[in-house]
Amino acid sequence: MSPLQRATGAAPPSPAIPGATGPAPSAAPDTARDGGAELERLRTEVAQLRQAMRSRPVIDQARGMIMAWGACSADEAWRILVRVSQHTNTRLRVVAACLVATTCGEPLPEALEEVLDHALPRRGPV
């Protein structure tokens, strides 16, 4: 890399293509099967991202509820949700949905209630 390229952040010439800049292109997959595996991986990733986007609002609502109950920060509320999820072997989005459902009169499952009670920071008298 020349001093000018270092100073400007320009990419060095590509050894694979004369006159081109940037790194040499990677080799293409040898078989269609490799492309099929990549396509399947991408489909799985998209499905997971879509599920995460659908779950996000209820998780944020549950986090807000924990912040109010425990007088804690957003980060601490997140850690509490994760702790309850891990200790009850329940997906975090299910824990969040159960917490939010309590606002409509649904009872919190006993296992979640017990772990949540131990996980919430203790407040002094109000």
Protein backbone atom coordinates (compact mmCIF):
# COMPACT_ATOMS: atom_id res chain seq x y z
CA MET A 1 0.00 0.00 0.00
CA SER A 2 1.39 3.37 -0.97
CA PRO A 3 1.59 6.30 1.47
CA LEU A 4 -1.15 8.06 -0.52
CA GLN A 5 -3.45 5.04 -0.22
CA ARG A 6 -2.77 4.88 3.54
CA ALA A 7 -3.48 8.60 3.96
CA THR A 8 -6.69 8.58 1.91
CA GLY A 9 -7.94 5.14 2.92
CA ALA A 10 -8.00 4.01 -0.72
CA ALA A 11 -7.92 0.29 -1.27
CA PRO A 12 -4.77 -1.21 -2.79
CA PRO A 13 -4.96 -2.57 -6.34
CA SER A 14 -6.51 -6.01 -6.58
CA PRO A 15 -4.01 -8.68 -7.67
CA ALA A 16 -6.79 -10.63 -9.42
CA ILE A 17 -7.95 -7.86 -11.76
CA PRO A 18 -5.42 -5.40 -13.16
CA GLY A 19 -6.49 -1.82 -12.47
CA ALA A 20 -9.18 -2.86 -9.97
CA THR A 21 -9.02 -1.96 -6.30
CA GLY A 22 -10.02 -3.89 -3.20
CA PRO A 23 -9.43 -7.45 -2.18
CA ALA A 24 -9.49 -10.25 -4.70
CA PRO A 25 -12.95 -11.77 -5.12
CA SER A 26 -13.47 -15.04 -3.28
CA ALA A 27 -13.98 -18.20 -5.22
CA ALA A 28 -17.58 -19.05 -6.10
CA PRO A 29 -19.10 -22.20 -4.59
CA ASP A 30 -18.08 -25.30 -6.55
CA THR A 31 -21.47 -26.95 -6.56
CA ALA A 32 -25.13 -26.02 -6.61
CA ARG A 33 -25.43 -27.87 -3.31
CA ASP A 34 -23.24 -25.25 -1.62
CA GLY A 35 -25.53 -22.55 -2.98
CA GLY A 36 -28.56 -24.47 -1.72
CA ALA A 37 -27.06 -24.72 1.76
CA GLU A 38 -26.38 -20.99 1.75
CA LEU A 39 -29.92 -20.28 0.59
CA GLU A 40 -31.33 -22.45 3.39
CA ARG A 41 -29.11 -20.68 5.94
CA LEU A 42 -30.37 -17.31 4.71
CA ARG A 43 -34.00 -18.46 4.86
CA THR A 44 -33.50 -19.61 8.44
CA GLU A 45 -31.87 -16.31 9.35
CA VAL A 46 -34.73 -14.31 7.81
CA ALA A 47 -37.30 -16.40 9.71
CA GLN A 48 -35.42 -15.82 12.97
CA LEU A 49 -35.19 -12.08 12.33
CA ARG A 50 -38.92 -11.91 11.57
CA GLN A 51 -39.70 -13.73 14.82
CA ALA A 52 -37.44 -11.35 16.72
CA MET A 53 -39.22 -8.35 15.20
CA ARG A 54 -42.63 -9.76 16.19
CA SER A 55 -41.41 -10.53 19.72
CA ARG A 56 -39.72 -7.19 20.35
CA PRO A 57 -42.78 -5.12 21.38
CA VAL A 58 -43.95 -7.62 24.02
CA ILE A 59 -40.41 -7.99 25.36
CA ASP A 60 -40.09 -4.21 25.64
CA GLN A 61 -43.45 -4.04 27.46
CA ALA A 62 -42.35 -6.73 29.92
CA ARG A 63 -39.07 -4.93 30.45
CA GLY A 64 -40.97 -1.75 31.26
CA MET A 65 -43.12 -3.64 33.76
CA ILE A 66 -40.02 -5.00 35.48
CA MET A 67 -38.47 -1.53 35.54
CA ALA A 68 -41.59 -0.22 37.30
CA TRP A 69 -41.86 -3.12 39.76
CA GLY A 70 -38.18 -3.31 40.59
CA ALA A 71 -37.25 0.36 40.23
CA CYS A 72 -34.35 -0.73 38.06
CA SER A 73 -32.71 0.31 34.80
CA ALA A 74 -33.58 -1.03 31.37
CA ASP A 75 -30.37 -3.08 31.33
CA GLU A 76 -31.12 -4.62 34.72
CA ALA A 77 -34.69 -5.39 33.61
CA TRP A 78 -33.27 -7.16 30.56
CA ARG A 79 -30.92 -9.21 32.76
CA ILE A 80 -33.88 -10.15 34.99
CA LEU A 81 -35.90 -11.34 31.98
CA VAL A 82 -32.93 -13.39 30.79
CA ARG A 83 -32.42 -14.86 34.28
CA VAL A 84 -36.09 -15.85 34.59
CA SER A 85 -35.98 -17.36 31.09
CA GLN A 86 -32.86 -19.39 31.84
CA HIS A 87 -33.90 -20.56 35.31
CA THR A 88 -37.32 -21.73 34.12
CA ASN A 89 -36.11 -23.08 30.76
CA THR A 90 -38.70 -20.89 29.05
CA ARG A 91 -38.11 -18.83 25.92
CA LEU A 92 -37.65 -15.17 26.77
CA ARG A 93 -40.50 -14.12 24.48
CA VAL A 94 -42.83 -16.53 26.32
CA VAL A 95 -41.74 -15.13 29.70
CA ALA A 96 -42.44 -11.63 28.38
CA ALA A 97 -45.84 -12.63 26.98
CA CYS A 98 -46.82 -14.19 30.32
CA LEU A 99 -45.84 -11.02 32.18
CA VAL A 100 -47.79 -8.79 29.79
CA ALA A 101 -50.81 -11.12 29.99
CA THR A 102 -51.04 -10.39 33.72
CA THR A 103 -52.27 -6.90 32.79
CA CYS A 104 -55.37 -8.60 31.35
CA GLY A 105 -56.00 -10.65 34.47
CA GLU A 106 -54.09 -13.78 33.47
CA PRO A 107 -52.19 -15.39 36.34
CA LEU A 108 -48.43 -15.62 36.05
CA PRO A 109 -47.31 -19.28 35.95
CA GLU A 110 -46.05 -20.29 39.40
CA ALA A 111 -42.54 -21.21 38.22
CA LEU A 112 -42.12 -17.80 36.56
CA GLU A 113 -43.53 -15.99 39.57
CA GLU A 114 -41.14 -17.72 41.96
CA VAL A 115 -38.02 -17.02 39.92
CA LEU A 116 -39.13 -13.46 39.14
CA ASP A 117 -39.72 -12.79 42.83
CA HIS A 118 -36.15 -13.82 43.60
CA ALA A 119 -34.72 -11.96 40.61
CA LEU A 120 -36.36 -8.57 41.26
CA PRO A 121 -34.28 -6.09 43.24
CA ARG A 122 -35.59 -5.55 46.74
CA ARG A 123 -37.07 -2.12 47.38
CA GLY A 124 -37.35 -0.45 50.72
CA PRO A 125 -40.66 0.82 52.13
CA VAL A 126 -42.53 3.07 49.74
